[in-house]
Amino acid sequence: MKRIAVFTSGGDAPGMNACIRAVVRTAVYHGIEVYGIMRGYSGMIKGEFVKLDSASVSNTIQKGGTILKSARSQKFQTREGRQLAFDQLVNHGIDGLVAIGGNGTFTGATIFEQEFGIPTVGAPGTIDNDLYGTDYTIGYDTAVNTALEAIDKIRDTADSHDRCFFVEVMGRDSGYIAIPCAIGGGAEIVMIPETQMSTEAVIDVLKAGWNRSKTSFLVVVAEGDEEGNAHAVAKQVKAAIPQLDTRVTIIGHIQRGGAPSAADRMLASQIGIAAVEGLMNGMRNVMAGIVDRKLVYTPFTDTIHKKKLINQSFMRMVEILSV
């Protein structure tokens, strides 16, 4: 490896800049030239390459978002688009790639390597924490703490006005954000895509609480829950328990932003180093991750296709602690 490139793709996540910084400084440490590709696969096709050095990433570890920016590319999904991207990499003399992103990013990298032989090592950058092959993804810890801070404030007003708040957090396919927010925020109920919590069951729990003279409630809903979003669930609950004063709060994209937590900075730095050194050691089509506090490299095919399971004991914790 004489020259590599790093890019971010998909949704932004706190800690991506810390990972970029680690990639750049690890490459410099090993005497490898490094380029940043702006706007992911879209920028790769257009040739938006920027040469990076240690100074380029100074004062970035604490910044949210991504200095390389991110964009989705329909064109890269075509053979013609990937050919243009390959031509740009050849023109810039790139020997390998570090891709910071999630399933979509790694799917594109897998196809790209099969067609053109460009080796890629991935870094798991997504707030959803839904990637198989790592206990935590870059940005997850920050997103949970951001959401929990908002939930603490919502709990105060719920208690003050004897209301039931339905709080929607991110997680289209995963309840990894919702569960710690529910446990840490003292919620009575959590609804996530991985479990079958019907609206009828929610109504039963809330009725039982109401009959025990409980007057304020908090229900955390992952946006991808099979029963629908927080508004849909709240509407059905209100129809079944009209005496309940219900409100809905969608925390939304603030979960993506802000300075990364210490945990995310550490994780991103560790994985950034591992990604570059993985390329140096001949690895390709793998994601660097941390499992049981140990560095592992997981094939993209497993990361993409294998399901990361929710620890069911967490659901039991919500049930026990809501009594």
C-alpha atoms as a PDB file:
ATOM      1  CA  MET A   1       0.000   0.000   0.000  1.00  0.00           C
ATOM      2  CA  LYS A   2       1.514   3.261  -1.169  1.00  0.00           C
ATOM      3  CA  ARG A   3      -1.618   5.395  -1.449  1.00  0.00           C
ATOM      4  CA  ILE A   4      -5.071   4.928   0.069  1.00  0.00           C
ATOM      5  CA  ALA A   5      -8.308   6.904   0.190  1.00  0.00           C
ATOM      6  CA  VAL A   6     -10.927   7.319   2.893  1.00  0.00           C
ATOM      7  CA  PHE A   7     -14.580   8.323   2.508  1.00  0.00           C
ATOM      8  CA  THR A   8     -17.818   8.497   4.486  1.00  0.00           C
ATOM      9  CA  SER A   9     -21.124   7.285   3.106  1.00  0.00           C
ATOM     10  CA  GLY A  10     -24.739   6.981   4.222  1.00  0.00           C
ATOM     11  CA  GLY A  11     -26.091   8.761   7.276  1.00  0.00           C
ATOM     12  CA  ASP A  12     -23.641  10.854   9.257  1.00  0.00           C
ATOM     13  CA  ALA A  13     -22.693   9.781  12.777  1.00  0.00           C
ATOM     14  CA  PRO A  14     -20.793  11.498  15.619  1.00  0.00           C
ATOM     15  CA  GLY A  15     -17.247  10.168  15.626  1.00  0.00           C
ATOM     16  CA  MET A  16     -16.822   9.918  11.859  1.00  0.00           C
ATOM     17  CA  ASN A  17     -14.305  12.770  11.972  1.00  0.00           C
ATOM     18  CA  ALA A  18     -12.383  11.020  14.735  1.00  0.00           C
ATOM     19  CA  CYS A  19     -12.202   7.952  12.505  1.00  0.00           C
ATOM     20  CA  ILE A  20     -11.065   9.988   9.481  1.00  0.00           C
ATOM     21  CA  ARG A  21      -8.386  11.562  11.678  1.00  0.00           C
ATOM     22  CA  ALA A  22      -7.184   8.149  12.843  1.00  0.00           C
ATOM     23  CA  VAL A  23      -7.064   6.831   9.269  1.00  0.00           C
ATOM     24  CA  VAL A  24      -5.059   9.819   8.057  1.00  0.00           C
ATOM     25  CA  ARG A  25      -2.570   9.819  10.915  1.00  0.00           C
ATOM     26  CA  THR A  26      -2.104   6.052  10.808  1.00  0.00           C
ATOM     27  CA  ALA A  27      -1.357   6.260   7.091  1.00  0.00           C
ATOM     28  CA  VAL A  28       1.129   9.084   7.685  1.00  0.00           C
ATOM     29  CA  TYR A  29       2.723   7.109  10.529  1.00  0.00           C
ATOM     30  CA  HIS A  30       3.322   4.188   8.166  1.00  0.00           C
ATOM     31  CA  GLY A  31       4.545   6.339   5.279  1.00  0.00           C
ATOM     32  CA  ILE A  32       1.416   5.911   3.151  1.00  0.00           C
ATOM     33  CA  GLU A  33      -0.127   8.758   1.164  1.00  0.00           C
ATOM     34  CA  VAL A  34      -3.796   9.341   1.922  1.00  0.00           C
ATOM     35  CA  TYR A  35      -6.597  11.089   0.086  1.00  0.00           C
ATOM     36  CA  GLY A  36     -10.071  12.015   1.248  1.00  0.00           C
ATOM     37  CA  ILE A  37     -12.976  11.460  -1.137  1.00  0.00           C
ATOM     38  CA  MET A  38     -15.690  14.072  -0.750  1.00  0.00           C
ATOM     39  CA  ARG A  39     -19.370  13.014  -0.691  1.00  0.00           C
ATOM     40  CA  GLY A  40     -18.876   9.265  -0.717  1.00  0.00           C
ATOM     41  CA  TYR A  41     -19.410   7.239  -3.869  1.00  0.00           C
ATOM     42  CA  SER A  42     -20.832  10.283  -5.615  1.00  0.00           C
ATOM     43  CA  GLY A  43     -17.558  12.149  -5.135  1.00  0.00           C
ATOM     44  CA  MET A  44     -15.596   9.072  -6.161  1.00  0.00           C
ATOM     45  CA  ILE A  45     -17.362   9.096  -9.530  1.00  0.00           C
ATOM     46  CA  LYS A  46     -16.813  12.830  -9.977  1.00  0.00           C
ATOM     47  CA  GLY A  47     -13.163  12.753  -8.886  1.00  0.00           C
ATOM     48  CA  GLU A  48     -13.582  14.894  -5.753  1.00  0.00           C
ATOM     49  CA  PHE A  49     -10.290  13.801  -4.176  1.00  0.00           C
ATOM     50  CA  VAL A  50      -8.415  15.871  -1.583  1.00  0.00           C
ATOM     51  CA  LYS A  51      -4.888  15.059  -0.417  1.00  0.00           C
ATOM     52  CA  LEU A  52      -4.750  14.855   3.363  1.00  0.00           C
ATOM     53  CA  ASP A  53      -1.979  15.052   5.938  1.00  0.00           C
ATOM     54  CA  SER A  54      -1.755  15.315   9.717  1.00  0.00           C
ATOM     55  CA  ALA A  55      -2.503  19.037   9.658  1.00  0.00           C
ATOM     56  CA  SER A  56      -5.628  18.445   7.552  1.00  0.00           C
ATOM     57  CA  VAL A  57      -7.305  16.639  10.421  1.00  0.00           C
ATOM     58  CA  SER A  58      -6.126  18.814  13.307  1.00  0.00           C
ATOM     59  CA  ASN A  59      -8.913  20.008  15.616  1.00  0.00           C
ATOM     60  CA  THR A  60     -11.473  17.590  14.136  1.00  0.00           C
ATOM     61  CA  ILE A  61     -11.743  14.794  16.720  1.00  0.00           C
ATOM     62  CA  GLN A  62     -14.379  16.705  18.701  1.00  0.00           C
ATOM     63  CA  LYS A  63     -16.520  17.752  15.735  1.00  0.00           C
ATOM     64  CA  GLY A  64     -19.790  16.094  14.778  1.00  0.00           C
ATOM     65  CA  GLY A  65     -20.834  15.274  11.236  1.00  0.00           C
ATOM     66  CA  THR A  66     -18.181  14.471   8.647  1.00  0.00           C
ATOM     67  CA  ILE A  67     -15.599  16.827   7.157  1.00  0.00           C
ATOM     68  CA  LEU A  68     -15.639  14.677   4.011  1.00  0.00           C
ATOM     69  CA  LYS A  69     -19.419  15.066   3.777  1.00  0.00           C
ATOM     70  CA  SER A  70     -21.760  12.285   2.756  1.00  0.00           C
ATOM     71  CA  ALA A  71     -24.170  11.661  -0.094  1.00  0.00           C
ATOM     72  CA  ARG A  72     -26.141   8.792  -1.579  1.00  0.00           C
ATOM     73  CA  SER A  73     -25.326   7.853  -5.165  1.00  0.00           C
ATOM     74  CA  GLN A  74     -27.814   6.220  -7.501  1.00  0.00           C
ATOM     75  CA  LYS A  75     -25.182   6.298 -10.231  1.00  0.00           C
ATOM     76  CA  PHE A  76     -22.786   4.085  -8.265  1.00  0.00           C
ATOM     77  CA  GLN A  77     -25.482   1.405  -8.258  1.00  0.00           C
ATOM     78  CA  THR A  78     -24.947   1.010 -12.010  1.00  0.00           C
ATOM     79  CA  ARG A  79     -22.028  -0.764 -13.716  1.00  0.00           C
ATOM     80  CA  GLU A  80     -21.293   2.403 -15.677  1.00  0.00           C
ATOM     81  CA  GLY A  81     -21.093   4.481 -12.511  1.00  0.00           C
ATOM     82  CA  ARG A  82     -18.726   2.034 -10.827  1.00  0.00           C
ATOM     83  CA  GLN A  83     -16.529   2.065 -13.941  1.00  0.00           C
ATOM     84  CA  LEU A  84     -16.240   5.851 -13.672  1.00  0.00           C
ATOM     85  CA  ALA A  85     -15.354   5.526  -9.973  1.00  0.00           C
ATOM     86  CA  PHE A  86     -12.686   2.922 -10.763  1.00  0.00           C
ATOM     87  CA  ASP A  87     -11.194   5.147 -13.453  1.00  0.00           C
ATOM     88  CA  GLN A  88     -10.906   7.983 -10.931  1.00  0.00           C
ATOM     89  CA  LEU A  89      -9.159   5.727  -8.414  1.00  0.00           C
ATOM     90  CA  VAL A  90      -6.705   4.577 -11.084  1.00  0.00           C
ATOM     91  CA  ASN A  91      -6.047   8.184 -12.128  1.00  0.00           C
ATOM     92  CA  HIS A  92      -5.194   9.051  -8.528  1.00  0.00           C
ATOM     93  CA  GLY A  93      -3.107   5.905  -7.969  1.00  0.00           C
ATOM     94  CA  ILE A  94      -5.271   4.600  -5.126  1.00  0.00           C
ATOM     95  CA  ASP A  95      -4.321   1.110  -3.899  1.00  0.00           C
ATOM     96  CA  GLY A  96      -7.027   0.618  -1.271  1.00  0.00           C
ATOM     97  CA  LEU A  97     -10.036   2.208   0.402  1.00  0.00           C
ATOM     98  CA  VAL A  98     -11.295   2.812   3.927  1.00  0.00           C
ATOM     99  CA  ALA A  99     -15.097   3.094   3.854  1.00  0.00           C
ATOM    100  CA  ILE A 100     -16.814   4.597   6.899  1.00  0.00           C
ATOM    101  CA  GLY A 101     -20.521   3.780   6.862  1.00  0.00           C
ATOM    102  CA  GLY A 102     -23.080   1.015   7.169  1.00  0.00           C
ATOM    103  CA  ASN A 103     -24.711  -1.809   5.222  1.00  0.00           C
ATOM    104  CA  GLY A 104     -25.322   0.182   2.043  1.00  0.00           C
ATOM    105  CA  THR A 105     -21.730   1.410   2.016  1.00  0.00           C
ATOM    106  CA  PHE A 106     -20.339  -2.104   2.468  1.00  0.00           C
ATOM    107  CA  THR A 107     -22.697  -3.593  -0.123  1.00  0.00           C
ATOM    108  CA  GLY A 108     -21.387  -1.108  -2.690  1.00  0.00           C
ATOM    109  CA  ALA A 109     -17.782  -1.848  -1.703  1.00  0.00           C
ATOM    110  CA  THR A 110     -18.342  -5.598  -2.076  1.00  0.00           C
ATOM    111  CA  ILE A 111     -19.680  -5.295  -5.611  1.00  0.00           C
ATOM    112  CA  PHE A 112     -16.952  -2.807  -6.482  1.00  0.00           C
ATOM    113  CA  GLU A 113     -14.184  -5.173  -5.359  1.00  0.00           C
ATOM    114  CA  GLN A 114     -15.710  -8.111  -7.223  1.00  0.00           C
ATOM    115  CA  GLU A 115     -15.790  -6.112 -10.459  1.00  0.00           C
ATOM    116  CA  PHE A 116     -12.560  -4.133 -10.220  1.00  0.00           C
ATOM    117  CA  GLY A 117     -10.437  -5.659  -7.459  1.00  0.00           C
ATOM    118  CA  ILE A 118     -10.076  -2.554  -5.279  1.00  0.00           C
ATOM    119  CA  PRO A 119      -9.604  -3.765  -1.666  1.00  0.00           C
ATOM    120  CA  THR A 120     -11.727  -2.066   0.993  1.00  0.00           C
ATOM    121  CA  VAL A 121     -11.733  -2.244   4.783  1.00  0.00           C
ATOM    122  CA  GLY A 122     -14.843  -0.828   6.431  1.00  0.00           C
ATOM    123  CA  ALA A 123     -15.356   1.145   9.623  1.00  0.00           C
ATOM    124  CA  PRO A 124     -18.842   0.832  11.173  1.00  0.00           C
ATOM    125  CA  GLY A 125     -20.202   4.375  11.156  1.00  0.00           C
ATOM    126  CA  THR A 126     -23.908   4.481  12.026  1.00  0.00           C
ATOM    127  CA  ILE A 127     -25.895   5.589  15.065  1.00  0.00           C
ATOM    128  CA  ASP A 128     -28.200   2.548  14.775  1.00  0.00           C
ATOM    129  CA  ASN A 129     -25.657   0.016  16.142  1.00  0.00           C
ATOM    130  CA  ASP A 130     -27.204  -2.609  13.866  1.00  0.00           C
ATOM    131  CA  LEU A 131     -24.071  -3.986  12.172  1.00  0.00           C
ATOM    132  CA  TYR A 132     -23.081  -7.585  12.796  1.00  0.00           C
ATOM    133  CA  GLY A 133     -19.403  -7.907  13.701  1.00  0.00           C
ATOM    134  CA  THR A 134     -19.025  -5.186  16.320  1.00  0.00           C
ATOM    135  CA  ASP A 135     -20.526  -4.630  19.758  1.00  0.00           C
ATOM    136  CA  TYR A 136     -20.839  -0.893  19.114  1.00  0.00           C
ATOM    137  CA  THR A 137     -20.825   1.285  16.027  1.00  0.00           C
ATOM    138  CA  ILE A 138     -19.296   4.741  15.716  1.00  0.00           C
ATOM    139  CA  GLY A 139     -21.878   7.336  16.752  1.00  0.00           C
ATOM    140  CA  TYR A 140     -24.158   5.037  18.720  1.00  0.00           C
ATOM    141  CA  ASP A 141     -23.095   6.076  22.212  1.00  0.00           C
ATOM    142  CA  THR A 142     -23.455   9.770  21.402  1.00  0.00           C
ATOM    143  CA  ALA A 143     -26.872   9.272  19.807  1.00  0.00           C
ATOM    144  CA  VAL A 144     -28.184   7.406  22.852  1.00  0.00           C
ATOM    145  CA  ASN A 145     -26.950  10.104  25.215  1.00  0.00           C
ATOM    146  CA  THR A 146     -28.456  12.845  23.043  1.00  0.00           C
ATOM    147  CA  ALA A 147     -31.823  11.083  22.980  1.00  0.00           C
ATOM    148  CA  LEU A 148     -31.692  10.320  26.697  1.00  0.00           C
ATOM    149  CA  GLU A 149     -31.007  13.944  27.557  1.00  0.00           C
ATOM    150  CA  ALA A 150     -34.157  14.917  25.657  1.00  0.00           C
ATOM    151  CA  ILE A 151     -36.165  12.136  27.309  1.00  0.00           C
ATOM    152  CA  ASP A 152     -35.131  13.329  30.781  1.00  0.00           C
ATOM    153  CA  LYS A 153     -36.604  16.731  29.970  1.00  0.00           C
ATOM    154  CA  ILE A 154     -39.769  15.171  28.565  1.00  0.00           C
ATOM    155  CA  ARG A 155     -40.157  13.083  31.727  1.00  0.00           C
ATOM    156  CA  ASP A 156     -40.167  16.291  33.801  1.00  0.00           C
ATOM    157  CA  THR A 157     -43.053  17.824  31.866  1.00  0.00           C
ATOM    158  CA  ALA A 158     -44.926  14.504  31.733  1.00  0.00           C
ATOM    159  CA  ASP A 159     -44.793  14.310  35.507  1.00  0.00           C
ATOM    160  CA  SER A 160     -45.730  17.958  35.968  1.00  0.00           C
ATOM    161  CA  HIS A 161     -48.884  17.665  33.843  1.00  0.00           C
ATOM    162  CA  ASP A 162     -49.869  14.009  34.473  1.00  0.00           C
ATOM    163  CA  ARG A 163     -49.387  13.134  30.817  1.00  0.00           C
ATOM    164  CA  CYS A 164     -48.432  10.122  28.758  1.00  0.00           C
ATOM    165  CA  PHE A 165     -45.642  10.923  26.316  1.00  0.00           C
ATOM    166  CA  PHE A 166     -44.873   8.782  23.286  1.00  0.00           C
ATOM    167  CA  VAL A 167     -41.262   9.512  22.353  1.00  0.00           C
ATOM    168  CA  GLU A 168     -40.019   8.372  18.959  1.00  0.00           C
ATOM    169  CA  VAL A 169     -36.306   7.724  18.545  1.00  0.00           C
ATOM    170  CA  MET A 170     -34.358   6.675  15.461  1.00  0.00           C
ATOM    171  CA  GLY A 171     -34.083   3.022  14.510  1.00  0.00           C
ATOM    172  CA  ARG A 172     -35.735   2.059  11.253  1.00  0.00           C
ATOM    173  CA  ASP A 173     -34.649  -1.582  11.569  1.00  0.00           C
ATOM    174  CA  SER A 174     -33.213  -1.676  15.069  1.00  0.00           C
ATOM    175  CA  GLY A 175     -34.193  -0.998  18.655  1.00  0.00           C
ATOM    176  CA  TYR A 176     -30.655  -0.463  19.878  1.00  0.00           C
ATOM    177  CA  ILE A 177     -31.243   3.246  20.544  1.00  0.00           C
ATOM    178  CA  ALA A 178     -34.723   2.769  21.979  1.00  0.00           C
ATOM    179  CA  ILE A 179     -33.839   0.169  24.624  1.00  0.00           C
ATOM    180  CA  PRO A 180     -31.128   2.044  26.581  1.00  0.00           C
ATOM    181  CA  CYS A 181     -33.257   5.199  26.305  1.00  0.00           C
ATOM    182  CA  ALA A 182     -36.203   3.334  27.806  1.00  0.00           C
ATOM    183  CA  ILE A 183     -34.158   1.813  30.637  1.00  0.00           C
ATOM    184  CA  GLY A 184     -32.125   4.945  31.347  1.00  0.00           C
ATOM    185  CA  GLY A 185     -35.153   7.229  30.983  1.00  0.00           C
ATOM    186  CA  GLY A 186     -37.431   5.214  33.229  1.00  0.00           C
ATOM    187  CA  ALA A 187     -39.969   4.388  30.512  1.00  0.00           C
ATOM    188  CA  GLU A 188     -42.898   2.096  31.205  1.00  0.00           C
ATOM    189  CA  ILE A 189     -42.848   0.581  27.709  1.00  0.00           C
ATOM    190  CA  VAL A 190     -40.452   0.269  24.770  1.00  0.00           C
ATOM    191  CA  MET A 191     -41.559  -0.665  21.242  1.00  0.00           C
ATOM    192  CA  ILE A 192     -38.897  -1.923  18.825  1.00  0.00           C
ATOM    193  CA  PRO A 193     -38.851  -3.714  15.447  1.00  0.00           C
ATOM    194  CA  GLU A 194     -37.254  -6.865  16.897  1.00  0.00           C
ATOM    195  CA  THR A 195     -40.157  -7.728  19.235  1.00  0.00           C
ATOM    196  CA  GLN A 196     -43.900  -8.046  18.844  1.00  0.00           C
ATOM    197  CA  MET A 197     -45.317  -5.477  21.253  1.00  0.00           C
ATOM    198  CA  SER A 198     -48.866  -4.870  20.032  1.00  0.00           C
ATOM    199  CA  THR A 199     -50.733  -1.632  20.621  1.00  0.00           C
ATOM    200  CA  GLU A 200     -53.276  -3.696  22.567  1.00  0.00           C
ATOM    201  CA  ALA A 201     -50.526  -4.817  24.935  1.00  0.00           C
ATOM    202  CA  VAL A 202     -49.427  -1.193  25.364  1.00  0.00           C
ATOM    203  CA  ILE A 203     -53.002  -0.219  26.198  1.00  0.00           C
ATOM    204  CA  ASP A 204     -53.210  -3.021  28.788  1.00  0.00           C
ATOM    205  CA  VAL A 205     -50.004  -1.867  30.506  1.00  0.00           C
ATOM    206  CA  LEU A 206     -51.136   1.757  30.590  1.00  0.00           C
ATOM    207  CA  LYS A 207     -54.591   0.824  31.890  1.00  0.00           C
ATOM    208  CA  ALA A 208     -53.016  -1.250  34.660  1.00  0.00           C
ATOM    209  CA  GLY A 209     -50.822   1.685  35.617  1.00  0.00           C
ATOM    210  CA  TRP A 210     -53.775   4.081  35.557  1.00  0.00           C
ATOM    211  CA  ASN A 211     -55.729   1.742  37.835  1.00  0.00           C
ATOM    212  CA  ARG A 212     -52.784   1.842  40.275  1.00  0.00           C
ATOM    213  CA  SER A 213     -53.197   5.640  40.352  1.00  0.00           C
ATOM    214  CA  LYS A 214     -50.163   6.191  38.180  1.00  0.00           C
ATOM    215  CA  THR A 215     -50.656   9.509  36.381  1.00  0.00           C
ATOM    216  CA  SER A 216     -47.659   9.987  34.088  1.00  0.00           C
ATOM    217  CA  PHE A 217     -46.175   7.574  31.584  1.00  0.00           C
ATOM    218  CA  LEU A 218     -43.361   7.381  29.076  1.00  0.00           C
ATOM    219  CA  VAL A 219     -43.456   5.118  26.035  1.00  0.00           C
ATOM    220  CA  VAL A 220     -40.328   4.938  23.849  1.00  0.00           C
ATOM    221  CA  VAL A 221     -41.012   3.952  20.231  1.00  0.00           C
ATOM    222  CA  ALA A 222     -38.358   3.062  17.656  1.00  0.00           C
ATOM    223  CA  GLU A 223     -39.324   4.630  14.324  1.00  0.00           C
ATOM    224  CA  GLY A 224     -39.353   1.213  12.617  1.00  0.00           C
ATOM    225  CA  ASP A 225     -41.699  -0.549  15.057  1.00  0.00           C
ATOM    226  CA  GLU A 226     -44.180  -2.825  13.312  1.00  0.00           C
ATOM    227  CA  GLU A 227     -47.134  -1.085  14.976  1.00  0.00           C
ATOM    228  CA  GLY A 228     -46.259   2.201  13.262  1.00  0.00           C
ATOM    229  CA  ASN A 229     -44.718   5.456  14.422  1.00  0.00           C
ATOM    230  CA  ALA A 230     -45.347   7.233  17.723  1.00  0.00           C
ATOM    231  CA  HIS A 231     -48.258   9.245  16.311  1.00  0.00           C
ATOM    232  CA  ALA A 232     -50.045   6.091  15.122  1.00  0.00           C
ATOM    233  CA  VAL A 233     -49.617   4.334  18.456  1.00  0.00           C
ATOM    234  CA  ALA A 234     -50.642   7.407  20.479  1.00  0.00           C
ATOM    235  CA  LYS A 235     -53.825   7.807  18.410  1.00  0.00           C
ATOM    236  CA  GLN A 236     -54.917   4.238  19.148  1.00  0.00           C
ATOM    237  CA  VAL A 237     -54.087   4.554  22.833  1.00  0.00           C
ATOM    238  CA  LYS A 238     -56.073   7.794  23.138  1.00  0.00           C
ATOM    239  CA  ALA A 239     -59.099   6.136  21.545  1.00  0.00           C
ATOM    240  CA  ALA A 240     -58.916   3.248  24.024  1.00  0.00           C
ATOM    241  CA  ILE A 241     -58.112   5.382  27.122  1.00  0.00           C
ATOM    242  CA  PRO A 242     -59.730   8.789  26.479  1.00  0.00           C
ATOM    243  CA  GLN A 243     -58.997  10.021  30.021  1.00  0.00           C
ATOM    244  CA  LEU A 244     -55.270   9.768  29.325  1.00  0.00           C
ATOM    245  CA  ASP A 245     -53.665  13.070  28.304  1.00  0.00           C
ATOM    246  CA  THR A 246     -51.318  12.010  25.497  1.00  0.00           C
ATOM    247  CA  ARG A 247     -48.497  13.844  23.721  1.00  0.00           C
ATOM    248  CA  VAL A 248     -46.014  12.834  21.034  1.00  0.00           C
ATOM    249  CA  THR A 249     -42.406  13.946  20.689  1.00  0.00           C
ATOM    250  CA  ILE A 250     -40.183  12.921  17.773  1.00  0.00           C
ATOM    251  CA  ILE A 251     -36.551  13.500  18.700  1.00  0.00           C
ATOM    252  CA  GLY A 252     -35.411  13.162  15.088  1.00  0.00           C
ATOM    253  CA  HIS A 253     -32.133  14.152  13.525  1.00  0.00           C
ATOM    254  CA  ILE A 254     -30.611  15.839  16.565  1.00  0.00           C
ATOM    255  CA  GLN A 255     -29.571  12.266  17.406  1.00  0.00           C
ATOM    256  CA  ARG A 256     -27.136  12.386  14.482  1.00  0.00           C
ATOM    257  CA  GLY A 257     -25.396  15.626  15.425  1.00  0.00           C
ATOM    258  CA  GLY A 258     -23.216  17.075  18.136  1.00  0.00           C
ATOM    259  CA  ALA A 259     -19.755  16.421  19.494  1.00  0.00           C
ATOM    260  CA  PRO A 260     -18.984  12.708  19.871  1.00  0.00           C
ATOM    261  CA  SER A 261     -18.771  11.232  23.345  1.00  0.00           C
ATOM    262  CA  ALA A 262     -15.487  10.007  24.792  1.00  0.00           C
ATOM    263  CA  ALA A 263     -16.533   6.424  24.038  1.00  0.00           C
ATOM    264  CA  ASP A 264     -17.185   7.239  20.387  1.00  0.00           C
ATOM    265  CA  ARG A 265     -13.878   9.082  20.022  1.00  0.00           C
ATOM    266  CA  MET A 266     -12.013   6.099  21.456  1.00  0.00           C
ATOM    267  CA  LEU A 267     -13.897   3.579  19.317  1.00  0.00           C
ATOM    268  CA  ALA A 268     -13.475   5.614  16.131  1.00  0.00           C
ATOM    269  CA  SER A 269      -9.759   6.064  16.748  1.00  0.00           C
ATOM    270  CA  GLN A 270      -9.216   2.377  17.429  1.00  0.00           C
ATOM    271  CA  ILE A 271     -11.139   1.290  14.345  1.00  0.00           C
ATOM    272  CA  GLY A 272      -9.505   3.908  12.122  1.00  0.00           C
ATOM    273  CA  ILE A 273      -6.071   2.540  12.987  1.00  0.00           C
ATOM    274  CA  ALA A 274      -7.291  -1.043  12.476  1.00  0.00           C
ATOM    275  CA  ALA A 275      -8.740  -0.216   9.044  1.00  0.00           C
ATOM    276  CA  VAL A 276      -5.455   1.135   7.667  1.00  0.00           C
ATOM    277  CA  GLU A 277      -3.372  -1.649   9.170  1.00  0.00           C
ATOM    278  CA  GLY A 278      -5.872  -4.187   7.842  1.00  0.00           C
ATOM    279  CA  LEU A 279      -5.297  -2.882   4.319  1.00  0.00           C
ATOM    280  CA  MET A 280      -1.539  -3.037   4.889  1.00  0.00           C
ATOM    281  CA  ASN A 281      -1.874  -6.693   5.901  1.00  0.00           C
ATOM    282  CA  GLY A 282      -3.719  -7.617   2.715  1.00  0.00           C
ATOM    283  CA  MET A 283      -7.274  -7.650   4.037  1.00  0.00           C
ATOM    284  CA  ARG A 284     -10.153  -6.854   1.706  1.00  0.00           C
ATOM    285  CA  ASN A 285     -13.933  -6.757   1.947  1.00  0.00           C
ATOM    286  CA  VAL A 286     -13.922  -6.833   5.756  1.00  0.00           C
ATOM    287  CA  MET A 287     -15.177  -4.516   8.489  1.00  0.00           C
ATOM    288  CA  ALA A 288     -13.034  -3.695  11.501  1.00  0.00           C
ATOM    289  CA  GLY A 289     -14.982  -3.928  14.747  1.00  0.00           C
ATOM    290  CA  ILE A 290     -14.710  -4.535  18.478  1.00  0.00           C
ATOM    291  CA  VAL A 291     -16.286  -7.689  19.961  1.00  0.00           C
ATOM    292  CA  ASP A 292     -15.800  -8.478  23.658  1.00  0.00           C
ATOM    293  CA  ARG A 293     -13.178  -5.690  23.768  1.00  0.00           C
ATOM    294  CA  LYS A 294     -11.110  -7.399  21.082  1.00  0.00           C
ATOM    295  CA  LEU A 295     -10.398  -6.180  17.548  1.00  0.00           C
ATOM    296  CA  VAL A 296     -11.984  -8.400  14.890  1.00  0.00           C
ATOM    297  CA  TYR A 297     -12.363  -8.268  11.123  1.00  0.00           C
ATOM    298  CA  THR A 298     -15.716  -9.488   9.808  1.00  0.00           C
ATOM    299  CA  PRO A 299     -16.362 -10.223   6.103  1.00  0.00           C
ATOM    300  CA  PHE A 300     -18.718  -7.727   4.485  1.00  0.00           C
ATOM    301  CA  THR A 301     -21.002 -10.611   3.491  1.00  0.00           C
ATOM    302  CA  ASP A 302     -21.575 -11.429   7.175  1.00  0.00           C
ATOM    303  CA  THR A 303     -21.931  -7.787   8.177  1.00  0.00           C
ATOM    304  CA  ILE A 304     -24.522  -7.245   5.448  1.00  0.00           C
ATOM    305  CA  HIS A 305     -26.548 -10.433   5.776  1.00  0.00           C
ATOM    306  CA  LYS A 306     -26.298 -11.591   9.394  1.00  0.00           C
ATOM    307  CA  LYS A 307     -28.677 -10.135  11.961  1.00  0.00           C
ATOM    308  CA  LYS A 308     -27.371  -8.519  15.119  1.00  0.00           C
ATOM    309  CA  LEU A 309     -29.705  -9.746  17.842  1.00  0.00           C
ATOM    310  CA  ILE A 310     -31.124  -7.710  20.692  1.00  0.00           C
ATOM    311  CA  ASN A 311     -30.319  -8.993  24.167  1.00  0.00           C
ATOM    312  CA  GLN A 312     -33.743 -10.097  25.416  1.00  0.00           C
ATOM    313  CA  SER A 313     -32.737  -9.533  29.030  1.00  0.00           C
ATOM    314  CA  PHE A 314     -32.953  -5.803  28.296  1.00  0.00           C
ATOM    315  CA  MET A 315     -36.655  -6.148  27.474  1.00  0.00           C
ATOM    316  CA  ARG A 316     -37.160  -7.928  30.783  1.00  0.00           C
ATOM    317  CA  MET A 317     -35.368  -5.064  32.535  1.00  0.00           C
ATOM    318  CA  VAL A 318     -37.879  -2.581  31.107  1.00  0.00           C
ATOM    319  CA  GLU A 319     -40.766  -4.762  32.329  1.00  0.00           C
ATOM    320  CA  ILE A 320     -39.366  -5.207  35.834  1.00  0.00           C
ATOM    321  CA  LEU A 321     -38.298  -1.604  36.349  1.00  0.00           C
ATOM    322  CA  SER A 322     -41.623  -0.151  35.125  1.00  0.00           C
ATOM    323  CA  VAL A 323     -43.654  -1.699  37.954  1.00  0.00           C
END
